[in-house]
Amino acid sequence: MLKSADDIRQLNDRISQAGQFTDKLRNEVGHVIIGQSHMLDRLLIGLLSNGHILLEGVPGLAKTLTIKSLSTAIQAKFSRIQFTPDLLPA
């Protein structure tokens, strides 16, 4: 519970730092992916909430490149699974 002006100031500083983090990520990925800000916002929501995201779409929409760019920006490991019929359960 907030008890003083110092607590509120510290909370505001933490919120500002988190905002700077997302701005830096948007900027970094935005150098590679152009015009996909809605998708990037959803990816950041999934990342920050420890959620899962499934990207679907026709070929050529830069889905793989977006995830690769995001993983590079946060210094995470990137791997990809190609969905083929042999991966379906029997």
PDB file of N, CA and C in Angstrom:
ATOM      1  N   MET A   1       0.839  -1.172   0.000  1.00  0.00           N
ATOM      2  CA  MET A   1       0.000   0.000   0.000  1.00  0.00           C
ATOM      3  C   MET A   1       0.888   1.241   0.000  1.00  0.00           C
ATOM      4  N   LEU A   2       0.500   2.237  -0.741  1.00  0.00           N
ATOM      5  CA  LEU A   2       1.268   3.476  -0.829  1.00  0.00           C
ATOM      6  C   LEU A   2       1.090   4.284   0.447  1.00  0.00           C
ATOM      7  N   LYS A   3       2.227   4.727   1.015  1.00  0.00           N
ATOM      8  CA  LYS A   3       2.153   5.423   2.291  1.00  0.00           C
ATOM      9  C   LYS A   3       2.637   6.855   2.225  1.00  0.00           C
ATOM     10  N   SER A   4       3.401   7.191   1.221  1.00  0.00           N
ATOM     11  CA  SER A   4       3.952   8.541   1.191  1.00  0.00           C
ATOM     12  C   SER A   4       4.163   8.996  -0.246  1.00  0.00           C
ATOM     13  N   ALA A   5       4.547  10.252  -0.349  1.00  0.00           N
ATOM     14  CA  ALA A   5       4.849  10.802  -1.673  1.00  0.00           C
ATOM     15  C   ALA A   5       6.055  10.103  -2.283  1.00  0.00           C
ATOM     16  N   ASP A   6       6.991   9.642  -1.438  1.00  0.00           N
ATOM     17  CA  ASP A   6       8.159   8.907  -1.949  1.00  0.00           C
ATOM     18  C   ASP A   6       7.741   7.596  -2.597  1.00  0.00           C
ATOM     19  N   ASP A   7       6.770   6.905  -1.984  1.00  0.00           N
ATOM     20  CA  ASP A   7       6.281   5.654  -2.563  1.00  0.00           C
ATOM     21  C   ASP A   7       5.656   5.902  -3.933  1.00  0.00           C
ATOM     22  N   ILE A   8       4.882   6.962  -4.024  1.00  0.00           N
ATOM     23  CA  ILE A   8       4.238   7.300  -5.298  1.00  0.00           C
ATOM     24  C   ILE A   8       5.291   7.667  -6.337  1.00  0.00           C
ATOM     25  N   ARG A   9       6.300   8.408  -5.929  1.00  0.00           N
ATOM     26  CA  ARG A   9       7.379   8.794  -6.836  1.00  0.00           C
ATOM     27  C   ARG A   9       8.126   7.555  -7.337  1.00  0.00           C
ATOM     28  N   GLN A  10       8.404   6.612  -6.433  1.00  0.00           N
ATOM     29  CA  GLN A  10       9.099   5.382  -6.824  1.00  0.00           C
ATOM     30  C   GLN A  10       8.251   4.563  -7.789  1.00  0.00           C
ATOM     31  N   LEU A  11       6.954   4.498  -7.521  1.00  0.00           N
ATOM     32  CA  LEU A  11       6.055   3.771  -8.419  1.00  0.00           C
ATOM     33  C   LEU A  11       6.026   4.425  -9.795  1.00  0.00           C
ATOM     34  N   ASN A  12       5.957   5.732  -9.834  1.00  0.00           N
ATOM     35  CA  ASN A  12       5.973   6.448 -11.117  1.00  0.00           C
ATOM     36  C   ASN A  12       7.275   6.212 -11.866  1.00  0.00           C
ATOM     37  N   ASP A  13       8.388   6.152 -11.147  1.00  0.00           N
ATOM     38  CA  ASP A  13       9.678   5.867 -11.779  1.00  0.00           C
ATOM     39  C   ASP A  13       9.695   4.474 -12.389  1.00  0.00           C
ATOM     40  N   ARG A  14       9.143   3.495 -11.673  1.00  0.00           N
ATOM     41  CA  ARG A  14       9.100   2.122 -12.196  1.00  0.00           C
ATOM     42  C   ARG A  14       8.221   2.035 -13.436  1.00  0.00           C
ATOM     43  N   ILE A  15       7.099   2.731 -13.415  1.00  0.00           N
ATOM     44  CA  ILE A  15       6.212   2.745 -14.581  1.00  0.00           C
ATOM     45  C   ILE A  15       6.915   3.397 -15.763  1.00  0.00           C
ATOM     46  N   SER A  16       7.628   4.473 -15.510  1.00  0.00           N
ATOM     47  CA  SER A  16       8.372   5.160 -16.568  1.00  0.00           C
ATOM     48  C   SER A  16       9.449   4.258 -17.164  1.00  0.00           C
ATOM     49  N   GLN A  17      10.148   3.512 -16.311  1.00  0.00           N
ATOM     50  CA  GLN A  17      11.185   2.596 -16.797  1.00  0.00           C
ATOM     51  C   GLN A  17      10.580   1.497 -17.662  1.00  0.00           C
ATOM     52  N   ALA A  18       9.428   0.962 -17.243  1.00  0.00           N
ATOM     53  CA  ALA A  18       8.767  -0.078 -18.038  1.00  0.00           C
ATOM     54  C   ALA A  18       8.332   0.488 -19.387  1.00  0.00           C
ATOM     55  N   GLY A  19       7.842   1.711 -19.392  1.00  0.00           N
ATOM     56  CA  GLY A  19       7.450   2.350 -20.643  1.00  0.00           C
ATOM     57  C   GLY A  19       8.630   2.563 -21.570  1.00  0.00           C
ATOM     58  N   GLN A  20       9.771   2.914 -21.006  1.00  0.00           N
ATOM     59  CA  GLN A  20      10.975   3.090 -21.819  1.00  0.00           C
ATOM     60  C   GLN A  20      11.404   1.764 -22.434  1.00  0.00           C
ATOM     61  N   PHE A  21      11.244   0.672 -21.680  1.00  0.00           N
ATOM     62  CA  PHE A  21      11.596  -0.656 -22.182  1.00  0.00           C
ATOM     63  C   PHE A  21      10.764  -1.001 -23.411  1.00  0.00           C
ATOM     64  N   THR A  22       9.457  -0.793 -23.325  1.00  0.00           N
ATOM     65  CA  THR A  22       8.606  -1.126 -24.469  1.00  0.00           C
ATOM     66  C   THR A  22       8.866  -0.189 -25.643  1.00  0.00           C
ATOM     67  N   ASP A  23       9.148   1.076 -25.352  1.00  0.00           N
ATOM     68  CA  ASP A  23       9.473   2.013 -26.438  1.00  0.00           C
ATOM     69  C   ASP A  23      10.751   1.594 -27.161  1.00  0.00           C
ATOM     70  N   LYS A  24      11.746   1.156 -26.404  1.00  0.00           N
ATOM     71  CA  LYS A  24      12.999   0.698 -27.015  1.00  0.00           C
ATOM     72  C   LYS A  24      12.760  -0.544 -27.869  1.00  0.00           C
ATOM     73  N   LEU A  25      11.932  -1.469 -27.369  1.00  0.00           N
ATOM     74  CA  LEU A  25      11.626  -2.673 -28.156  1.00  0.00           C
ATOM     75  C   LEU A  25      10.896  -2.312 -29.441  1.00  0.00           C
ATOM     76  N   ARG A  26       9.892  -1.452 -29.331  1.00  0.00           N
ATOM     77  CA  ARG A  26       9.155  -1.026 -30.528  1.00  0.00           C
ATOM     78  C   ARG A  26      10.093  -0.379 -31.544  1.00  0.00           C
ATOM     79  N   ASN A  27      10.980   0.453 -31.059  1.00  0.00           N
ATOM     80  CA  ASN A  27      11.921   1.142 -31.937  1.00  0.00           C
ATOM     81  C   ASN A  27      12.869   0.149 -32.606  1.00  0.00           C
ATOM     82  N   GLU A  28      13.399  -0.789 -31.830  1.00  0.00           N
ATOM     83  CA  GLU A  28      14.357  -1.769 -32.354  1.00  0.00           C
ATOM     84  C   GLU A  28      13.710  -2.660 -33.417  1.00  0.00           C
ATOM     85  N   VAL A  29      12.547  -3.207 -33.111  1.00  0.00           N
ATOM     86  CA  VAL A  29      11.864  -4.086 -34.064  1.00  0.00           C
ATOM     87  C   VAL A  29      11.319  -3.260 -35.229  1.00  0.00           C
ATOM     88  N   GLY A  30      10.950  -2.014 -34.965  1.00  0.00           N
ATOM     89  CA  GLY A  30      10.428  -1.140 -36.008  1.00  0.00           C
ATOM     90  C   GLY A  30      11.427  -0.817 -37.101  1.00  0.00           C
ATOM     91  N   HIS A  31      12.719  -0.990 -36.820  1.00  0.00           N
ATOM     92  CA  HIS A  31      13.726  -0.793 -37.863  1.00  0.00           C
ATOM     93  C   HIS A  31      13.636  -1.891 -38.924  1.00  0.00           C
ATOM     94  N   VAL A  32      13.147  -3.055 -38.534  1.00  0.00           N
ATOM     95  CA  VAL A  32      13.071  -4.198 -39.450  1.00  0.00           C
ATOM     96  C   VAL A  32      11.654  -4.379 -39.981  1.00  0.00           C
ATOM     97  N   ILE A  33      10.671  -4.281 -39.102  1.00  0.00           N
ATOM     98  CA  ILE A  33       9.272  -4.515 -39.461  1.00  0.00           C
ATOM     99  C   ILE A  33       8.556  -3.172 -39.550  1.00  0.00           C
ATOM    100  N   ILE A  34       8.034  -2.863 -40.715  1.00  0.00           N
ATOM    101  CA  ILE A  34       7.392  -1.570 -40.948  1.00  0.00           C
ATOM    102  C   ILE A  34       5.903  -1.793 -41.211  1.00  0.00           C
ATOM    103  N   GLY A  35       5.063  -1.002 -40.560  1.00  0.00           N
ATOM    104  CA  GLY A  35       3.627  -1.057 -40.815  1.00  0.00           C
ATOM    105  C   GLY A  35       2.892  -2.159 -40.084  1.00  0.00           C
ATOM    106  N   GLN A  36       3.502  -2.766 -39.093  1.00  0.00           N
ATOM    107  CA  GLN A  36       2.854  -3.846 -38.343  1.00  0.00           C
ATOM    108  C   GLN A  36       2.779  -3.493 -36.855  1.00  0.00           C
ATOM    109  N   SER A  37       2.472  -2.241 -36.539  1.00  0.00           N
ATOM    110  CA  SER A  37       2.474  -1.801 -35.140  1.00  0.00           C
ATOM    111  C   SER A  37       1.417  -2.523 -34.309  1.00  0.00           C
ATOM    112  N   HIS A  38       0.267  -2.843 -34.896  1.00  0.00           N
ATOM    113  CA  HIS A  38      -0.779  -3.564 -34.160  1.00  0.00           C
ATOM    114  C   HIS A  38      -0.278  -4.947 -33.740  1.00  0.00           C
ATOM    115  N   MET A  39       0.362  -5.652 -34.661  1.00  0.00           N
ATOM    116  CA  MET A  39       0.904  -6.967 -34.339  1.00  0.00           C
ATOM    117  C   MET A  39       1.994  -6.846 -33.279  1.00  0.00           C
ATOM    118  N   LEU A  40       2.849  -5.860 -33.393  1.00  0.00           N
ATOM    119  CA  LEU A  40       3.925  -5.674 -32.425  1.00  0.00           C
ATOM    120  C   LEU A  40       3.366  -5.359 -31.040  1.00  0.00           C
ATOM    121  N   ASP A  41       2.321  -4.543 -30.971  1.00  0.00           N
ATOM    122  CA  ASP A  41       1.686  -4.260 -29.681  1.00  0.00           C
ATOM    123  C   ASP A  41       1.166  -5.541 -29.042  1.00  0.00           C
ATOM    124  N   ARG A  42       0.538  -6.393 -29.841  1.00  0.00           N
ATOM    125  CA  ARG A  42       0.006  -7.659 -29.309  1.00  0.00           C
ATOM    126  C   ARG A  42       1.133  -8.585 -28.855  1.00  0.00           C
ATOM    127  N   LEU A  43       2.230  -8.591 -29.588  1.00  0.00           N
ATOM    128  CA  LEU A  43       3.378  -9.404 -29.185  1.00  0.00           C
ATOM    129  C   LEU A  43       3.960  -8.922 -27.864  1.00  0.00           C
ATOM    130  N   LEU A  44       4.052  -7.617 -27.680  1.00  0.00           N
ATOM    131  CA  LEU A  44       4.574  -7.072 -26.429  1.00  0.00           C
ATOM    132  C   LEU A  44       3.635  -7.369 -25.264  1.00  0.00           C
ATOM    133  N   ILE A  45       2.330  -7.328 -25.504  1.00  0.00           N
ATOM    134  CA  ILE A  45       1.372  -7.688 -24.457  1.00  0.00           C
ATOM    135  C   ILE A  45       1.582  -9.139 -24.046  1.00  0.00           C
ATOM    136  N   GLY A  46       1.719 -10.027 -25.018  1.00  0.00           N
ATOM    137  CA  GLY A  46       1.965 -11.434 -24.709  1.00  0.00           C
ATOM    138  C   GLY A  46       3.276 -11.637 -23.977  1.00  0.00           C
ATOM    139  N   LEU A  47       4.308 -10.927 -24.392  1.00  0.00           N
ATOM    140  CA  LEU A  47       5.621 -11.038 -23.759  1.00  0.00           C
ATOM    141  C   LEU A  47       5.583 -10.552 -22.317  1.00  0.00           C
ATOM    142  N   LEU A  48       5.003  -9.388 -22.091  1.00  0.00           N
ATOM    143  CA  LEU A  48       4.995  -8.797 -20.755  1.00  0.00           C
ATOM    144  C   LEU A  48       4.031  -9.485 -19.795  1.00  0.00           C
ATOM    145  N   SER A  49       3.047 -10.208 -20.322  1.00  0.00           N
ATOM    146  CA  SER A  49       2.090 -10.901 -19.459  1.00  0.00           C
ATOM    147  C   SER A  49       2.395 -12.390 -19.329  1.00  0.00           C
ATOM    148  N   ASN A  50       3.562 -12.804 -19.825  1.00  0.00           N
ATOM    149  CA  ASN A  50       3.946 -14.225 -19.795  1.00  0.00           C
ATOM    150  C   ASN A  50       2.920 -15.096 -20.504  1.00  0.00           C
ATOM    151  N   GLY A  51       2.326 -14.578 -21.554  1.00  0.00           N
ATOM    152  CA  GLY A  51       1.314 -15.308 -22.292  1.00  0.00           C
ATOM    153  C   GLY A  51       1.887 -16.010 -23.507  1.00  0.00           C
ATOM    154  N   HIS A  52       0.998 -16.592 -24.281  1.00  0.00           N
ATOM    155  CA  HIS A  52       1.366 -17.277 -25.514  1.00  0.00           C
ATOM    156  C   HIS A  52       0.679 -16.574 -26.673  1.00  0.00           C
ATOM    157  N   ILE A  53       1.342 -16.580 -27.809  1.00  0.00           N
ATOM    158  CA  ILE A  53       0.774 -15.952 -28.998  1.00  0.00           C
ATOM    159  C   ILE A  53       0.956 -16.893 -30.175  1.00  0.00           C
ATOM    160  N   LEU A  54      -0.100 -17.079 -30.925  1.00  0.00           N
ATOM    161  CA  LEU A  54      -0.053 -17.866 -32.152  1.00  0.00           C
ATOM    162  C   LEU A  54      -0.233 -16.901 -33.315  1.00  0.00           C
ATOM    163  N   LEU A  55       0.761 -16.838 -34.177  1.00  0.00           N
ATOM    164  CA  LEU A  55       0.670 -15.989 -35.364  1.00  0.00           C
ATOM    165  C   LEU A  55       0.213 -16.844 -36.535  1.00  0.00           C
ATOM    166  N   GLU A  56      -0.869 -16.439 -37.147  1.00  0.00           N
ATOM    167  CA  GLU A  56      -1.385 -17.141 -38.313  1.00  0.00           C
ATOM    168  C   GLU A  56      -1.482 -16.149 -39.466  1.00  0.00           C
ATOM    169  N   GLY A  57      -1.361 -16.654 -40.659  1.00  0.00           N
ATOM    170  CA  GLY A  57      -1.517 -15.796 -41.826  1.00  0.00           C
ATOM    171  C   GLY A  57      -0.922 -16.441 -43.054  1.00  0.00           C
ATOM    172  N   VAL A  58      -1.229 -15.839 -44.176  1.00  0.00           N
ATOM    173  CA  VAL A  58      -0.703 -16.341 -45.437  1.00  0.00           C
ATOM    174  C   VAL A  58       0.799 -16.085 -45.490  1.00  0.00           C
ATOM    175  N   PRO A  59       1.506 -16.806 -46.345  1.00  0.00           N
ATOM    176  CA  PRO A  59       2.954 -16.579 -46.461  1.00  0.00           C
ATOM    177  C   PRO A  59       3.267 -15.149 -46.902  1.00  0.00           C
ATOM    178  N   GLY A  60       4.380 -14.647 -46.414  1.00  0.00           N
ATOM    179  CA  GLY A  60       4.855 -13.346 -46.854  1.00  0.00           C
ATOM    180  C   GLY A  60       4.451 -12.169 -45.993  1.00  0.00           C
ATOM    181  N   LEU A  61       3.896 -12.413 -44.800  1.00  0.00           N
ATOM    182  CA  LEU A  61       3.477 -11.313 -43.938  1.00  0.00           C
ATOM    183  C   LEU A  61       4.521 -10.955 -42.878  1.00  0.00           C
ATOM    184  N   ALA A  62       5.701 -11.531 -42.968  1.00  0.00           N
ATOM    185  CA  ALA A  62       6.828 -11.247 -42.061  1.00  0.00           C
ATOM    186  C   ALA A  62       6.590 -11.728 -40.638  1.00  0.00           C
ATOM    187  N   LYS A  63       5.839 -12.814 -40.492  1.00  0.00           N
ATOM    188  CA  LYS A  63       5.595 -13.358 -39.153  1.00  0.00           C
ATOM    189  C   LYS A  63       6.887 -13.866 -38.532  1.00  0.00           C
ATOM    190  N   THR A  64       7.613 -14.682 -39.256  1.00  0.00           N
ATOM    191  CA  THR A  64       8.863 -15.243 -38.740  1.00  0.00           C
ATOM    192  C   THR A  64       9.895 -14.151 -38.514  1.00  0.00           C
ATOM    193  N   LEU A  65      10.009 -13.233 -39.439  1.00  0.00           N
ATOM    194  CA  LEU A  65      10.974 -12.146 -39.300  1.00  0.00           C
ATOM    195  C   LEU A  65      10.652 -11.270 -38.085  1.00  0.00           C
ATOM    196  N   THR A  66       9.369 -11.050 -37.826  1.00  0.00           N
ATOM    197  CA  THR A  66       8.970 -10.250 -36.671  1.00  0.00           C
ATOM    198  C   THR A  66       9.399 -10.912 -35.375  1.00  0.00           C
ATOM    199  N   ILE A  67       9.125 -12.208 -35.246  1.00  0.00           N
ATOM    200  CA  ILE A  67       9.485 -12.924 -34.022  1.00  0.00           C
ATOM    201  C   ILE A  67      11.000 -13.006 -33.889  1.00  0.00           C
ATOM    202  N   LYS A  68      11.678 -13.225 -34.988  1.00  0.00           N
ATOM    203  CA  LYS A  68      13.144 -13.276 -34.942  1.00  0.00           C
ATOM    204  C   LYS A  68      13.710 -11.925 -34.509  1.00  0.00           C
ATOM    205  N   SER A  69      13.158 -10.845 -35.021  1.00  0.00           N
ATOM    206  CA  SER A  69      13.616  -9.505 -34.644  1.00  0.00           C
ATOM    207  C   SER A  69      13.328  -9.212 -33.174  1.00  0.00           C
ATOM    208  N   LEU A  70      12.155  -9.606 -32.711  1.00  0.00           N
ATOM    209  CA  LEU A  70      11.803  -9.399 -31.307  1.00  0.00           C
ATOM    210  C   LEU A  70      12.707 -10.208 -30.388  1.00  0.00           C
ATOM    211  N   SER A  71      12.957 -11.461 -30.748  1.00  0.00           N
ATOM    212  CA  SER A  71      13.829 -12.290 -29.906  1.00  0.00           C
ATOM    213  C   SER A  71      15.255 -11.752 -29.881  1.00  0.00           C
ATOM    214  N   THR A  72      15.720 -11.216 -30.992  1.00  0.00           N
ATOM    215  CA  THR A  72      17.048 -10.594 -31.018  1.00  0.00           C
ATOM    216  C   THR A  72      17.073  -9.357 -30.123  1.00  0.00           C
ATOM    217  N   ALA A  73      16.008  -8.572 -30.157  1.00  0.00           N
ATOM    218  CA  ALA A  73      15.950  -7.343 -29.362  1.00  0.00           C
ATOM    219  C   ALA A  73      15.966  -7.625 -27.863  1.00  0.00           C
ATOM    220  N   ILE A  74      15.388  -8.753 -27.448  1.00  0.00           N
ATOM    221  CA  ILE A  74      15.378  -9.078 -26.017  1.00  0.00           C
ATOM    222  C   ILE A  74      16.443 -10.107 -25.666  1.00  0.00           C
ATOM    223  N   GLN A  75      17.307 -10.418 -26.622  1.00  0.00           N
ATOM    224  CA  GLN A  75      18.414 -11.362 -26.450  1.00  0.00           C
ATOM    225  C   GLN A  75      17.907 -12.737 -26.008  1.00  0.00           C
ATOM    226  N   ALA A  76      16.871 -13.211 -26.693  1.00  0.00           N
ATOM    227  CA  ALA A  76      16.291 -14.524 -26.414  1.00  0.00           C
ATOM    228  C   ALA A  76      16.648 -15.490 -27.535  1.00  0.00           C
ATOM    229  N   LYS A  77      16.480 -16.760 -27.266  1.00  0.00           N
ATOM    230  CA  LYS A  77      16.740 -17.794 -28.267  1.00  0.00           C
ATOM    231  C   LYS A  77      15.562 -17.841 -29.245  1.00  0.00           C
ATOM    232  N   PHE A  78      15.876 -17.959 -30.510  1.00  0.00           N
ATOM    233  CA  PHE A  78      14.849 -18.050 -31.546  1.00  0.00           C
ATOM    234  C   PHE A  78      14.907 -19.429 -32.175  1.00  0.00           C
ATOM    235  N   SER A  79      13.754 -20.085 -32.264  1.00  0.00           N
ATOM    236  CA  SER A  79      13.657 -21.341 -33.009  1.00  0.00           C
ATOM    237  C   SER A  79      12.285 -21.369 -33.669  1.00  0.00           C
ATOM    238  N   ARG A  80      12.170 -22.180 -34.676  1.00  0.00           N
ATOM    239  CA  ARG A  80      10.962 -22.191 -35.495  1.00  0.00           C
ATOM    240  C   ARG A  80      10.560 -23.627 -35.774  1.00  0.00           C
ATOM    241  N   ILE A  81       9.256 -23.890 -35.748  1.00  0.00           N
ATOM    242  CA  ILE A  81       8.732 -25.204 -36.114  1.00  0.00           C
ATOM    243  C   ILE A  81       7.864 -25.019 -37.352  1.00  0.00           C
ATOM    244  N   GLN A  82       8.187 -25.745 -38.393  1.00  0.00           N
ATOM    245  CA  GLN A  82       7.385 -25.703 -39.617  1.00  0.00           C
ATOM    246  C   GLN A  82       6.245 -26.696 -39.450  1.00  0.00           C
ATOM    247  N   PHE A  83       5.021 -26.225 -39.509  1.00  0.00           N
ATOM    248  CA  PHE A  83       3.871 -27.104 -39.343  1.00  0.00           C
ATOM    249  C   PHE A  83       3.622 -27.861 -40.640  1.00  0.00           C
ATOM    250  N   THR A  84       3.755 -29.153 -40.563  1.00  0.00           N
ATOM    251  CA  THR A  84       3.513 -30.015 -41.719  1.00  0.00           C
ATOM    252  C   THR A  84       2.590 -31.147 -41.292  1.00  0.00           C
ATOM    253  N   PRO A  85       1.938 -31.830 -42.248  1.00  0.00           N
ATOM    254  CA  PRO A  85       1.005 -32.901 -41.896  1.00  0.00           C
ATOM    255  C   PRO A  85       1.630 -34.018 -41.059  1.00  0.00           C
ATOM    256  N   ASP A  86       2.931 -34.249 -41.188  1.00  0.00           N
ATOM    257  CA  ASP A  86       3.528 -35.327 -40.404  1.00  0.00           C
ATOM    258  C   ASP A  86       3.641 -34.960 -38.918  1.00  0.00           C
ATOM    259  N   LEU A  87       3.388 -33.712 -38.551  1.00  0.00           N
ATOM    260  CA  LEU A  87       3.392 -33.315 -37.145  1.00  0.00           C
ATOM    261  C   LEU A  87       2.028 -33.487 -36.487  1.00  0.00           C
ATOM    262  N   LEU A  88       1.008 -33.808 -37.284  1.00  0.00           N
ATOM    263  CA  LEU A  88      -0.331 -34.000 -36.735  1.00  0.00           C
ATOM    264  C   LEU A  88      -0.396 -35.289 -35.924  1.00  0.00           C
ATOM    265  N   PRO A  89      -1.228 -35.301 -34.869  1.00  0.00           N
ATOM    266  CA  PRO A  89      -1.383 -36.545 -34.110  1.00  0.00           C
ATOM    267  C   PRO A  89      -2.026 -37.630 -34.973  1.00  0.00           C
ATOM    268  N   ALA A  90      -1.687 -38.855 -34.686  1.00  0.00           N
ATOM    269  CA  ALA A  90      -2.188 -39.982 -35.487  1.00  0.00           C
ATOM    270  C   ALA A  90      -3.647 -40.244 -35.278  1.00  0.00           C
TER     271      ALA A  90
END
